Amino acid sequence: MDRLLSMRAFQQVVDDGGFAAAARTLDISPAVMTRLITDLEEHLGARLLQRTTRKLSLTEAGQSYLQRVRHILNDVNEAEASTRQQTDELAGLLRIHTQPVMAVHILAPLVAEFRRRYPKVVLDITVDSPLAPPIEDFDLTILGAGGVYDANVVARPVIVSEGLLCASPRYLRSAGTPRQPEDLQKHAMLRLSQTGVRQREWQLVNPQEGDREVAVDIRPVLLANHSDTLMRATLDGAGISAQPMDLVANYLRDGQLRRVLAPWITGRFTLYAALPSRKYIPARARVFMEFLIEQTRLKTAEAKLSWPDDAPADAADGSVLLPPAQR
């Protein structure tokens, strides 16, 4: 027996003054209504209603039970309304989980504009790098995946990113610009250390030639398992590193970094926004996900249009012509 439905049926019979009227209000058949009240009385072991052909009245037990039922159903209705408000209203706490590099380069730059649009939403961002992201514990988890992705995770693609080879203008002035993949053997290479990946070999892909691949032997001068360490070293002129396009878009746009060996890339990966469930997604999580997709794609597209794939050289050795502000 659905106890809550039986309580609602009992209250409605009293309020409407009859079984047929109450059945119409709750959109159920009179037979079902009668069965609900009968089952409730059998469960309680007491008669709640006196029924005659002309009159319906409460028994003493029915009067006492009705008072309690009204309080119970009122509390239930308030709880349901509060929960729906949490789901539908653009307000409240939004718990987000992501890795450090994505927190710094993707999420943090979006906070000011998102807060301007949705001032009642409080962002609670947790940043760490667990082996298995605790997706069930957060409203939204921002994560990246390469060729292998867990299809059991409920997630929406944010953007497909390519790994670009980048260097600072300072480094390229002193070391020259590589013109073909084999030239990397003569350069200072900065590499992200990953388990199961050969650190002295780099697989490059040419999208303009049907994703033709070439393996280049390199000698890294820096290995790090922290993306921001590589980024900082690259910006400071330590060498050439591979960086996701959406993370370096702004640096390429303002001239702090230059792309080298275009159109070669070091691979592709997809940025995802993962959800704990397909159902009952809070409105604040939905709008943040849409905002994330909109802003990330927009900024990457703008930056890609504004940087040249091959920087002009101002000397025979291939050194790069800096923007006026950086000369």
C-alpha atoms as a PDB file:
ATOM      1  CA  MET A   1       0.000   0.000   0.000  1.00  0.00           C
ATOM      2  CA  ASP A   2       1.195   3.480  -0.861  1.00  0.00           C
ATOM      3  CA  ARG A   3       0.810   5.007   2.589  1.00  0.00           C
ATOM      4  CA  LEU A   4       1.299   8.592   1.428  1.00  0.00           C
ATOM      5  CA  LEU A   5      -1.237   8.236  -1.374  1.00  0.00           C
ATOM      6  CA  SER A   6      -3.736   6.701   1.044  1.00  0.00           C
ATOM      7  CA  MET A   7      -3.290   9.677   3.388  1.00  0.00           C
ATOM      8  CA  ARG A   8      -3.856  12.099   0.504  1.00  0.00           C
ATOM      9  CA  ALA A   9      -6.953  10.148  -0.562  1.00  0.00           C
ATOM     10  CA  PHE A  10      -8.373  10.215   2.974  1.00  0.00           C
ATOM     11  CA  GLN A  11      -7.809  13.969   3.317  1.00  0.00           C
ATOM     12  CA  GLN A  12      -9.330  14.612  -0.119  1.00  0.00           C
ATOM     13  CA  VAL A  13     -12.458  12.559   0.660  1.00  0.00           C
ATOM     14  CA  VAL A  14     -13.038  14.647   3.763  1.00  0.00           C
ATOM     15  CA  ASP A  15     -12.332  17.958   1.984  1.00  0.00           C
ATOM     16  CA  ASP A  16     -14.540  17.132  -1.039  1.00  0.00           C
ATOM     17  CA  GLY A  17     -17.279  15.470   1.012  1.00  0.00           C
ATOM     18  CA  GLY A  18     -17.393  12.238  -0.952  1.00  0.00           C
ATOM     19  CA  PHE A  19     -15.489   9.469  -2.703  1.00  0.00           C
ATOM     20  CA  ALA A  20     -16.529  10.355  -6.272  1.00  0.00           C
ATOM     21  CA  ALA A  21     -15.551  14.018  -5.950  1.00  0.00           C
ATOM     22  CA  ALA A  22     -12.224  13.145  -4.329  1.00  0.00           C
ATOM     23  CA  ALA A  23     -11.513  10.602  -7.086  1.00  0.00           C
ATOM     24  CA  ARG A  24     -12.026  13.305  -9.718  1.00  0.00           C
ATOM     25  CA  THR A  25      -9.714  15.705  -7.859  1.00  0.00           C
ATOM     26  CA  LEU A  26      -6.899  13.150  -7.663  1.00  0.00           C
ATOM     27  CA  ASP A  27      -7.624  11.832 -11.165  1.00  0.00           C
ATOM     28  CA  ILE A  28      -8.161   8.236 -10.091  1.00  0.00           C
ATOM     29  CA  SER A  29     -11.177   5.930 -10.397  1.00  0.00           C
ATOM     30  CA  PRO A  30     -13.811   5.709  -7.619  1.00  0.00           C
ATOM     31  CA  ALA A  31     -12.925   2.029  -7.181  1.00  0.00           C
ATOM     32  CA  VAL A  32      -9.273   2.859  -6.546  1.00  0.00           C
ATOM     33  CA  MET A  33     -10.316   5.596  -4.127  1.00  0.00           C
ATOM     34  CA  THR A  34     -12.482   3.157  -2.173  1.00  0.00           C
ATOM     35  CA  ARG A  35      -9.649   0.598  -2.082  1.00  0.00           C
ATOM     36  CA  LEU A  36      -7.176   3.196  -0.760  1.00  0.00           C
ATOM     37  CA  ILE A  37      -9.436   4.152   2.156  1.00  0.00           C
ATOM     38  CA  THR A  38     -10.275   0.524   2.937  1.00  0.00           C
ATOM     39  CA  ASP A  39      -6.583  -0.472   2.931  1.00  0.00           C
ATOM     40  CA  LEU A  40      -5.738   2.493   5.167  1.00  0.00           C
ATOM     41  CA  GLU A  41      -8.420   1.526   7.694  1.00  0.00           C
ATOM     42  CA  GLU A  42      -7.261  -2.090   7.662  1.00  0.00           C
ATOM     43  CA  HIS A  43      -3.684  -0.967   8.212  1.00  0.00           C
ATOM     44  CA  LEU A  44      -4.679   1.270  11.143  1.00  0.00           C
ATOM     45  CA  GLY A  45      -7.173  -1.217  12.569  1.00  0.00           C
ATOM     46  CA  ALA A  46      -9.781   1.521  12.946  1.00  0.00           C
ATOM     47  CA  ARG A  47     -12.722   2.906  11.004  1.00  0.00           C
ATOM     48  CA  LEU A  48     -12.047   6.471   9.890  1.00  0.00           C
ATOM     49  CA  LEU A  49     -15.294   7.268   8.057  1.00  0.00           C
ATOM     50  CA  GLN A  50     -18.943   6.538   8.677  1.00  0.00           C
ATOM     51  CA  ARG A  51     -20.589   5.868   5.319  1.00  0.00           C
ATOM     52  CA  THR A  52     -24.330   5.937   4.588  1.00  0.00           C
ATOM     53  CA  THR A  53     -26.179   6.427   1.331  1.00  0.00           C
ATOM     54  CA  ARG A  54     -26.801  10.066   2.216  1.00  0.00           C
ATOM     55  CA  LYS A  55     -23.994  11.104   4.503  1.00  0.00           C
ATOM     56  CA  LEU A  56     -20.262  10.765   5.042  1.00  0.00           C
ATOM     57  CA  SER A  57     -18.816  11.666   8.430  1.00  0.00           C
ATOM     58  CA  LEU A  58     -15.635  11.232  10.417  1.00  0.00           C
ATOM     59  CA  THR A  59     -15.411   8.855  13.315  1.00  0.00           C
ATOM     60  CA  GLU A  60     -13.625   9.961  16.469  1.00  0.00           C
ATOM     61  CA  ALA A  61     -10.537   8.061  15.338  1.00  0.00           C
ATOM     62  CA  GLY A  62     -10.909   9.691  11.912  1.00  0.00           C
ATOM     63  CA  GLN A  63     -10.974  13.185  13.370  1.00  0.00           C
ATOM     64  CA  SER A  64      -7.798  12.574  15.384  1.00  0.00           C
ATOM     65  CA  TYR A  65      -6.029  10.945  12.418  1.00  0.00           C
ATOM     66  CA  LEU A  66      -7.044  13.764  10.028  1.00  0.00           C
ATOM     67  CA  GLN A  67      -5.361  16.397  12.210  1.00  0.00           C
ATOM     68  CA  ARG A  68      -2.075  14.509  12.112  1.00  0.00           C
ATOM     69  CA  VAL A  69      -2.393  13.703   8.404  1.00  0.00           C
ATOM     70  CA  ARG A  70      -2.846  17.377   7.561  1.00  0.00           C
ATOM     71  CA  HIS A  71       0.404  18.253   9.384  1.00  0.00           C
ATOM     72  CA  ILE A  72       2.273  15.368   7.730  1.00  0.00           C
ATOM     73  CA  LEU A  73       1.089  16.207   4.208  1.00  0.00           C
ATOM     74  CA  ASN A  74       1.814  19.895   4.727  1.00  0.00           C
ATOM     75  CA  ASP A  75       5.407  19.040   5.727  1.00  0.00           C
ATOM     76  CA  VAL A  76       5.737  16.739   2.705  1.00  0.00           C
ATOM     77  CA  ASN A  77       4.455  19.447   0.363  1.00  0.00           C
ATOM     78  CA  GLU A  78       6.884  21.997   1.809  1.00  0.00           C
ATOM     79  CA  ALA A  79       9.792  19.561   1.466  1.00  0.00           C
ATOM     80  CA  GLU A  80       8.875  18.860  -2.167  1.00  0.00           C
ATOM     81  CA  ALA A  81       8.548  22.563  -2.957  1.00  0.00           C
ATOM     82  CA  SER A  82      11.904  23.301  -1.360  1.00  0.00           C
ATOM     83  CA  THR A  83      13.595  20.508  -3.306  1.00  0.00           C
ATOM     84  CA  ARG A  84      12.067  21.618  -6.613  1.00  0.00           C
ATOM     85  CA  GLN A  85      13.216  25.158  -5.906  1.00  0.00           C
ATOM     86  CA  GLN A  86      16.764  23.887  -5.391  1.00  0.00           C
ATOM     87  CA  THR A  87      16.552  22.140  -8.761  1.00  0.00           C
ATOM     88  CA  ASP A  88      14.840  24.916 -10.719  1.00  0.00           C
ATOM     89  CA  GLU A  89      16.057  28.163  -9.177  1.00  0.00           C
ATOM     90  CA  LEU A  90      19.239  29.838 -10.439  1.00  0.00           C
ATOM     91  CA  ALA A  91      20.590  30.185  -6.921  1.00  0.00           C
ATOM     92  CA  GLY A  92      22.378  28.135  -4.287  1.00  0.00           C
ATOM     93  CA  LEU A  93      25.649  26.235  -4.034  1.00  0.00           C
ATOM     94  CA  LEU A  94      27.206  24.688  -7.152  1.00  0.00           C
ATOM     95  CA  ARG A  95      29.906  22.130  -6.317  1.00  0.00           C
ATOM     96  CA  ILE A  96      32.495  21.647  -9.076  1.00  0.00           C
ATOM     97  CA  HIS A  97      35.481  19.295  -9.191  1.00  0.00           C
ATOM     98  CA  THR A  98      38.427  19.566 -11.585  1.00  0.00           C
ATOM     99  CA  GLN A  99      42.186  19.129 -11.957  1.00  0.00           C
ATOM    100  CA  PRO A 100      44.647  21.962 -11.191  1.00  0.00           C
ATOM    101  CA  VAL A 101      45.498  22.882 -14.791  1.00  0.00           C
ATOM    102  CA  MET A 102      41.835  23.151 -15.763  1.00  0.00           C
ATOM    103  CA  ALA A 103      40.993  25.118 -12.627  1.00  0.00           C
ATOM    104  CA  VAL A 104      43.653  27.730 -13.389  1.00  0.00           C
ATOM    105  CA  HIS A 105      43.316  28.061 -17.158  1.00  0.00           C
ATOM    106  CA  ILE A 106      39.647  27.226 -17.840  1.00  0.00           C
ATOM    107  CA  LEU A 107      37.454  27.715 -14.764  1.00  0.00           C
ATOM    108  CA  ALA A 108      39.077  30.634 -12.948  1.00  0.00           C
ATOM    109  CA  PRO A 109      38.908  33.012 -15.960  1.00  0.00           C
ATOM    110  CA  LEU A 110      35.146  32.366 -16.223  1.00  0.00           C
ATOM    111  CA  VAL A 111      34.205  33.127 -12.618  1.00  0.00           C
ATOM    112  CA  ALA A 112      33.819  36.922 -12.889  1.00  0.00           C
ATOM    113  CA  GLU A 113      31.490  36.826 -15.911  1.00  0.00           C
ATOM    114  CA  PHE A 114      29.437  33.936 -14.544  1.00  0.00           C
ATOM    115  CA  ARG A 115      28.988  35.756 -11.238  1.00  0.00           C
ATOM    116  CA  ARG A 116      27.887  38.854 -13.120  1.00  0.00           C
ATOM    117  CA  ARG A 117      25.189  36.869 -14.926  1.00  0.00           C
ATOM    118  CA  TYR A 118      24.099  34.697 -11.996  1.00  0.00           C
ATOM    119  CA  PRO A 119      24.920  36.533  -8.746  1.00  0.00           C
ATOM    120  CA  LYS A 120      22.845  34.176  -6.562  1.00  0.00           C
ATOM    121  CA  VAL A 121      24.892  31.087  -7.491  1.00  0.00           C
ATOM    122  CA  VAL A 122      27.804  30.319  -5.147  1.00  0.00           C
ATOM    123  CA  LEU A 123      30.654  28.377  -6.783  1.00  0.00           C
ATOM    124  CA  ASP A 124      32.439  25.796  -4.633  1.00  0.00           C
ATOM    125  CA  ILE A 125      35.408  24.516  -6.682  1.00  0.00           C
ATOM    126  CA  THR A 126      37.450  21.555  -5.420  1.00  0.00           C
ATOM    127  CA  VAL A 127      40.822  21.115  -7.132  1.00  0.00           C
ATOM    128  CA  ASP A 128      42.817  17.883  -6.988  1.00  0.00           C
ATOM    129  CA  SER A 129      43.978  15.000  -9.189  1.00  0.00           C
ATOM    130  CA  PRO A 130      42.564  11.680  -7.941  1.00  0.00           C
ATOM    131  CA  LEU A 131      43.019   8.541 -10.038  1.00  0.00           C
ATOM    132  CA  ALA A 132      39.230   8.183 -10.197  1.00  0.00           C
ATOM    133  CA  PRO A 133      37.325  11.512 -10.168  1.00  0.00           C
ATOM    134  CA  PRO A 134      34.557  11.432  -7.507  1.00  0.00           C
ATOM    135  CA  ILE A 135      31.855  12.410  -9.994  1.00  0.00           C
ATOM    136  CA  GLU A 136      29.000  11.261  -7.743  1.00  0.00           C
ATOM    137  CA  ASP A 137      30.052  13.725  -5.024  1.00  0.00           C
ATOM    138  CA  PHE A 138      29.776  16.890  -7.135  1.00  0.00           C
ATOM    139  CA  ASP A 139      27.207  18.701  -9.255  1.00  0.00           C
ATOM    140  CA  LEU A 140      29.703  18.990 -12.110  1.00  0.00           C
ATOM    141  CA  THR A 141      33.150  17.516 -12.807  1.00  0.00           C
ATOM    142  CA  ILE A 142      35.409  18.995 -15.492  1.00  0.00           C
ATOM    143  CA  LEU A 143      37.768  16.375 -16.892  1.00  0.00           C
ATOM    144  CA  GLY A 144      39.770  15.558 -19.997  1.00  0.00           C
ATOM    145  CA  ALA A 145      39.947  12.299 -21.916  1.00  0.00           C
ATOM    146  CA  GLY A 146      42.076  11.176 -24.833  1.00  0.00           C
ATOM    147  CA  GLY A 147      41.350   8.191 -27.018  1.00  0.00           C
ATOM    148  CA  VAL A 148      39.921   6.126 -24.128  1.00  0.00           C
ATOM    149  CA  TYR A 149      36.816   7.367 -22.337  1.00  0.00           C
ATOM    150  CA  ASP A 150      34.524   5.661 -19.847  1.00  0.00           C
ATOM    151  CA  ALA A 151      31.221   5.494 -21.703  1.00  0.00           C
ATOM    152  CA  ASN A 152      29.407   4.754 -18.446  1.00  0.00           C
ATOM    153  CA  VAL A 153      30.040   8.288 -17.215  1.00  0.00           C
ATOM    154  CA  VAL A 154      27.254  10.794 -17.952  1.00  0.00           C
ATOM    155  CA  ALA A 155      29.123  13.649 -19.602  1.00  0.00           C
ATOM    156  CA  ARG A 156      28.802  16.327 -22.250  1.00  0.00           C
ATOM    157  CA  PRO A 157      31.709  17.296 -24.517  1.00  0.00           C
ATOM    158  CA  VAL A 158      32.852  20.873 -23.969  1.00  0.00           C
ATOM    159  CA  ILE A 159      35.535  21.183 -26.635  1.00  0.00           C
ATOM    160  CA  VAL A 160      37.897  18.987 -28.642  1.00  0.00           C
ATOM    161  CA  SER A 161      41.418  20.272 -28.185  1.00  0.00           C
ATOM    162  CA  GLU A 162      44.655  19.632 -30.066  1.00  0.00           C
ATOM    163  CA  GLY A 163      48.115  19.497 -28.568  1.00  0.00           C
ATOM    164  CA  LEU A 164      50.230  22.296 -30.066  1.00  0.00           C
ATOM    165  CA  LEU A 165      53.996  22.649 -29.948  1.00  0.00           C
ATOM    166  CA  CYS A 166      54.781  26.037 -28.430  1.00  0.00           C
ATOM    167  CA  ALA A 167      57.781  28.116 -27.455  1.00  0.00           C
ATOM    168  CA  SER A 168      58.389  31.662 -26.266  1.00  0.00           C
ATOM    169  CA  PRO A 169      59.710  34.320 -28.663  1.00  0.00           C
ATOM    170  CA  ARG A 170      62.806  34.579 -26.425  1.00  0.00           C
ATOM    171  CA  TYR A 171      63.642  30.900 -26.888  1.00  0.00           C
ATOM    172  CA  LEU A 172      63.055  30.985 -30.643  1.00  0.00           C
ATOM    173  CA  ARG A 173      65.305  34.030 -31.025  1.00  0.00           C
ATOM    174  CA  SER A 174      68.168  32.214 -29.366  1.00  0.00           C
ATOM    175  CA  ALA A 175      67.644  28.643 -30.615  1.00  0.00           C
ATOM    176  CA  GLY A 176      65.963  29.189 -33.972  1.00  0.00           C
ATOM    177  CA  THR A 177      62.627  27.892 -35.227  1.00  0.00           C
ATOM    178  CA  PRO A 178      62.182  24.197 -36.123  1.00  0.00           C
ATOM    179  CA  ARG A 179      60.928  23.780 -39.676  1.00  0.00           C
ATOM    180  CA  GLN A 180      60.319  20.025 -39.778  1.00  0.00           C
ATOM    181  CA  PRO A 181      59.693  17.380 -37.082  1.00  0.00           C
ATOM    182  CA  GLU A 182      63.271  16.079 -37.162  1.00  0.00           C
ATOM    183  CA  ASP A 183      64.528  19.517 -36.118  1.00  0.00           C
ATOM    184  CA  LEU A 184      63.151  18.868 -32.624  1.00  0.00           C
ATOM    185  CA  GLN A 185      66.153  16.625 -31.989  1.00  0.00           C
ATOM    186  CA  LYS A 186      68.301  19.774 -31.782  1.00  0.00           C
ATOM    187  CA  HIS A 187      65.999  21.672 -29.423  1.00  0.00           C
ATOM    188  CA  ALA A 188      65.414  21.825 -25.676  1.00  0.00           C
ATOM    189  CA  MET A 189      62.230  19.803 -25.169  1.00  0.00           C
ATOM    190  CA  LEU A 190      59.963  20.133 -22.132  1.00  0.00           C
ATOM    191  CA  ARG A 191      57.852  17.006 -21.586  1.00  0.00           C
ATOM    192  CA  LEU A 192      54.916  16.014 -19.421  1.00  0.00           C
ATOM    193  CA  SER A 193      55.902  12.795 -17.669  1.00  0.00           C
ATOM    194  CA  GLN A 194      53.223  10.125 -18.011  1.00  0.00           C
ATOM    195  CA  THR A 195      53.182   6.488 -16.956  1.00  0.00           C
ATOM    196  CA  GLY A 196      53.568   4.114 -19.873  1.00  0.00           C
ATOM    197  CA  VAL A 197      54.714   6.807 -22.336  1.00  0.00           C
ATOM    198  CA  ARG A 198      58.189   6.747 -23.909  1.00  0.00           C
ATOM    199  CA  GLN A 199      59.691  10.053 -22.844  1.00  0.00           C
ATOM    200  CA  ARG A 200      62.373  10.154 -25.540  1.00  0.00           C
ATOM    201  CA  GLU A 201      59.954   9.689 -28.425  1.00  0.00           C
ATOM    202  CA  TRP A 202      57.286  12.106 -29.578  1.00  0.00           C
ATOM    203  CA  GLN A 203      54.414  11.062 -31.856  1.00  0.00           C
ATOM    204  CA  LEU A 204      53.372  13.924 -34.125  1.00  0.00           C
ATOM    205  CA  VAL A 205      50.255  14.007 -36.311  1.00  0.00           C
ATOM    206  CA  ASN A 206      49.658  16.056 -39.460  1.00  0.00           C
ATOM    207  CA  PRO A 207      45.896  16.801 -39.825  1.00  0.00           C
ATOM    208  CA  GLN A 208      46.457  18.231 -43.305  1.00  0.00           C
ATOM    209  CA  GLU A 209      47.825  14.916 -44.552  1.00  0.00           C
ATOM    210  CA  GLY A 210      45.124  12.550 -43.342  1.00  0.00           C
ATOM    211  CA  ASP A 211      46.548  12.430 -39.809  1.00  0.00           C
ATOM    212  CA  ARG A 212      49.879  11.111 -41.019  1.00  0.00           C
ATOM    213  CA  GLU A 213      52.029  10.207 -38.023  1.00  0.00           C
ATOM    214  CA  VAL A 214      55.744  10.494 -37.495  1.00  0.00           C
ATOM    215  CA  ALA A 215      57.813   9.485 -34.463  1.00  0.00           C
ATOM    216  CA  VAL A 216      60.622  11.835 -33.484  1.00  0.00           C
ATOM    217  CA  ASP A 217      63.449  10.926 -31.090  1.00  0.00           C
ATOM    218  CA  ILE A 218      64.014  13.728 -28.592  1.00  0.00           C
ATOM    219  CA  ARG A 219      66.070  14.398 -25.487  1.00  0.00           C
ATOM    220  CA  PRO A 220      63.938  16.203 -22.917  1.00  0.00           C
ATOM    221  CA  VAL A 221      65.730  18.758 -20.754  1.00  0.00           C
ATOM    222  CA  LEU A 222      62.751  18.885 -18.386  1.00  0.00           C
ATOM    223  CA  LEU A 223      60.281  16.222 -17.312  1.00  0.00           C
ATOM    224  CA  ALA A 224      57.401  17.225 -15.027  1.00  0.00           C
ATOM    225  CA  ASN A 225      54.112  15.657 -14.002  1.00  0.00           C
ATOM    226  CA  HIS A 226      52.587  19.105 -13.469  1.00  0.00           C
ATOM    227  CA  SER A 227      51.227  20.973 -16.503  1.00  0.00           C
ATOM    228  CA  ASP A 228      51.595  24.450 -15.006  1.00  0.00           C
ATOM    229  CA  THR A 229      55.290  23.799 -14.342  1.00  0.00           C
ATOM    230  CA  LEU A 230      55.798  23.083 -18.041  1.00  0.00           C
ATOM    231  CA  MET A 231      53.717  26.113 -18.991  1.00  0.00           C
ATOM    232  CA  ARG A 232      55.739  28.434 -16.770  1.00  0.00           C
ATOM    233  CA  ALA A 233      59.043  27.049 -18.043  1.00  0.00           C
ATOM    234  CA  THR A 234      57.863  27.438 -21.643  1.00  0.00           C
ATOM    235  CA  LEU A 235      56.788  31.045 -21.072  1.00  0.00           C
ATOM    236  CA  ASP A 236      60.171  31.804 -19.500  1.00  0.00           C
ATOM    237  CA  GLY A 237      62.061  30.523 -22.554  1.00  0.00           C
ATOM    238  CA  ALA A 238      63.289  27.134 -21.316  1.00  0.00           C
ATOM    239  CA  GLY A 239      62.322  25.280 -24.479  1.00  0.00           C
ATOM    240  CA  ILE A 240      59.519  23.783 -26.548  1.00  0.00           C
ATOM    241  CA  SER A 241      56.537  22.003 -24.984  1.00  0.00           C
ATOM    242  CA  ALA A 242      53.219  20.555 -26.110  1.00  0.00           C
ATOM    243  CA  GLN A 243      50.168  22.351 -24.716  1.00  0.00           C
ATOM    244  CA  PRO A 244      46.406  21.898 -25.247  1.00  0.00           C
ATOM    245  CA  MET A 245      45.139  24.532 -27.659  1.00  0.00           C
ATOM    246  CA  ASP A 246      42.412  25.816 -25.334  1.00  0.00           C
ATOM    247  CA  LEU A 247      44.919  26.316 -22.498  1.00  0.00           C
ATOM    248  CA  VAL A 248      47.443  28.319 -24.526  1.00  0.00           C
ATOM    249  CA  ALA A 249      44.971  30.215 -26.705  1.00  0.00           C
ATOM    250  CA  ASN A 250      45.373  33.492 -24.808  1.00  0.00           C
ATOM    251  CA  TYR A 251      49.180  33.210 -24.675  1.00  0.00           C
ATOM    252  CA  LEU A 252      49.303  32.682 -28.436  1.00  0.00           C
ATOM    253  CA  ARG A 253      46.914  35.552 -29.035  1.00  0.00           C
ATOM    254  CA  ASP A 254      48.917  38.084 -27.026  1.00  0.00           C
ATOM    255  CA  GLY A 255      52.279  36.896 -28.361  1.00  0.00           C
ATOM    256  CA  GLN A 256      53.740  35.420 -25.157  1.00  0.00           C
ATOM    257  CA  LEU A 257      54.004  32.082 -26.978  1.00  0.00           C
ATOM    258  CA  ARG A 258      54.407  31.085 -30.599  1.00  0.00           C
ATOM    259  CA  ARG A 259      53.190  27.921 -32.230  1.00  0.00           C
ATOM    260  CA  VAL A 260      55.927  25.943 -33.990  1.00  0.00           C
ATOM    261  CA  LEU A 261      55.811  23.220 -36.628  1.00  0.00           C
ATOM    262  CA  ALA A 262      52.257  24.007 -37.736  1.00  0.00           C
ATOM    263  CA  PRO A 263      50.193  22.112 -38.830  1.00  0.00           C
ATOM    264  CA  TRP A 264      51.732  19.245 -36.799  1.00  0.00           C
ATOM    265  CA  ILE A 265      50.004  18.424 -33.513  1.00  0.00           C
ATOM    266  CA  THR A 266      50.837  16.048 -30.679  1.00  0.00           C
ATOM    267  CA  GLY A 267      47.355  14.516 -30.458  1.00  0.00           C
ATOM    268  CA  ARG A 268      43.769  15.300 -29.522  1.00  0.00           C
ATOM    269  CA  PHE A 269      41.718  15.122 -26.368  1.00  0.00           C
ATOM    270  CA  THR A 270      38.223  16.146 -25.352  1.00  0.00           C
ATOM    271  CA  LEU A 271      37.238  18.277 -22.388  1.00  0.00           C
ATOM    272  CA  TYR A 272      34.075  16.935 -20.731  1.00  0.00           C
ATOM    273  CA  ALA A 273      31.591  18.206 -18.167  1.00  0.00           C
ATOM    274  CA  ALA A 274      30.533  15.107 -16.217  1.00  0.00           C
ATOM    275  CA  LEU A 275      27.349  14.786 -14.167  1.00  0.00           C
ATOM    276  CA  PRO A 276      26.448  12.396 -11.342  1.00  0.00           C
ATOM    277  CA  SER A 277      23.160  11.468 -13.057  1.00  0.00           C
ATOM    278  CA  ARG A 278      21.011  12.215 -16.084  1.00  0.00           C
ATOM    279  CA  LYS A 279      18.062  13.004 -13.813  1.00  0.00           C
ATOM    280  CA  TYR A 280      17.320  15.913 -11.482  1.00  0.00           C
ATOM    281  CA  ILE A 281      20.105  18.170 -12.714  1.00  0.00           C
ATOM    282  CA  PRO A 282      19.922  21.511 -10.835  1.00  0.00           C
ATOM    283  CA  ALA A 283      19.271  24.509 -13.067  1.00  0.00           C
ATOM    284  CA  ARG A 284      22.454  26.162 -11.782  1.00  0.00           C
ATOM    285  CA  ALA A 285      24.480  23.158 -13.000  1.00  0.00           C
ATOM    286  CA  ARG A 286      22.808  23.256 -16.412  1.00  0.00           C
ATOM    287  CA  VAL A 287      23.414  26.973 -16.924  1.00  0.00           C
ATOM    288  CA  PHE A 288      27.037  26.713 -15.789  1.00  0.00           C
ATOM    289  CA  MET A 289      27.640  23.836 -18.199  1.00  0.00           C
ATOM    290  CA  GLU A 290      26.136  25.829 -21.084  1.00  0.00           C
ATOM    291  CA  PHE A 291      28.162  28.887 -20.032  1.00  0.00           C
ATOM    292  CA  LEU A 292      31.361  26.817 -19.888  1.00  0.00           C
ATOM    293  CA  ILE A 293      30.784  25.411 -23.384  1.00  0.00           C
ATOM    294  CA  GLU A 294      29.867  28.811 -24.825  1.00  0.00           C
ATOM    295  CA  GLN A 295      32.807  30.700 -23.353  1.00  0.00           C
ATOM    296  CA  THR A 296      35.445  28.026 -23.920  1.00  0.00           C
ATOM    297  CA  ARG A 297      34.559  27.558 -27.579  1.00  0.00           C
ATOM    298  CA  LEU A 298      34.235  31.293 -28.161  1.00  0.00           C
ATOM    299  CA  LYS A 299      37.577  32.206 -26.604  1.00  0.00           C
ATOM    300  CA  THR A 300      39.415  29.401 -28.389  1.00  0.00           C
ATOM    301  CA  ALA A 301      37.899  30.368 -31.744  1.00  0.00           C
ATOM    302  CA  GLU A 302      38.745  34.049 -31.231  1.00  0.00           C
ATOM    303  CA  ALA A 303      42.294  33.255 -30.217  1.00  0.00           C
ATOM    304  CA  LYS A 304      42.818  30.844 -33.116  1.00  0.00           C
ATOM    305  CA  LEU A 305      41.725  33.499 -35.596  1.00  0.00           C
ATOM    306  CA  SER A 306      44.059  36.082 -34.074  1.00  0.00           C
ATOM    307  CA  TRP A 307      47.361  34.179 -34.068  1.00  0.00           C
ATOM    308  CA  PRO A 308      49.412  33.223 -37.144  1.00  0.00           C
ATOM    309  CA  ASP A 309      50.332  29.553 -37.496  1.00  0.00           C
ATOM    310  CA  ASP A 310      53.825  30.524 -38.620  1.00  0.00           C
ATOM    311  CA  ALA A 311      55.292  33.684 -37.098  1.00  0.00           C
ATOM    312  CA  PRO A 312      57.247  35.937 -39.495  1.00  0.00           C
ATOM    313  CA  ALA A 313      61.016  35.720 -39.157  1.00  0.00           C
ATOM    314  CA  ASP A 314      63.163  38.819 -38.855  1.00  0.00           C
ATOM    315  CA  ALA A 315      66.504  37.076 -39.415  1.00  0.00           C
ATOM    316  CA  ALA A 316      67.964  34.329 -41.548  1.00  0.00           C
ATOM    317  CA  ASP A 317      68.221  31.972 -38.571  1.00  0.00           C
ATOM    318  CA  GLY A 318      64.440  31.914 -38.187  1.00  0.00           C
ATOM    319  CA  SER A 319      64.199  34.085 -35.087  1.00  0.00           C
ATOM    320  CA  VAL A 320      60.699  35.387 -34.499  1.00  0.00           C
ATOM    321  CA  LEU A 321      59.485  38.911 -35.019  1.00  0.00           C
ATOM    322  CA  LEU A 322      58.006  40.033 -31.688  1.00  0.00           C
ATOM    323  CA  PRO A 323      54.933  42.220 -31.337  1.00  0.00           C
ATOM    324  CA  PRO A 324      55.958  45.894 -30.772  1.00  0.00           C
ATOM    325  CA  ALA A 325      55.006  45.749 -27.078  1.00  0.00           C
ATOM    326  CA  GLN A 326      57.497  42.935 -26.431  1.00  0.00           C
ATOM    327  CA  ARG A 327      60.561  44.201 -28.356  1.00  0.00           C
END
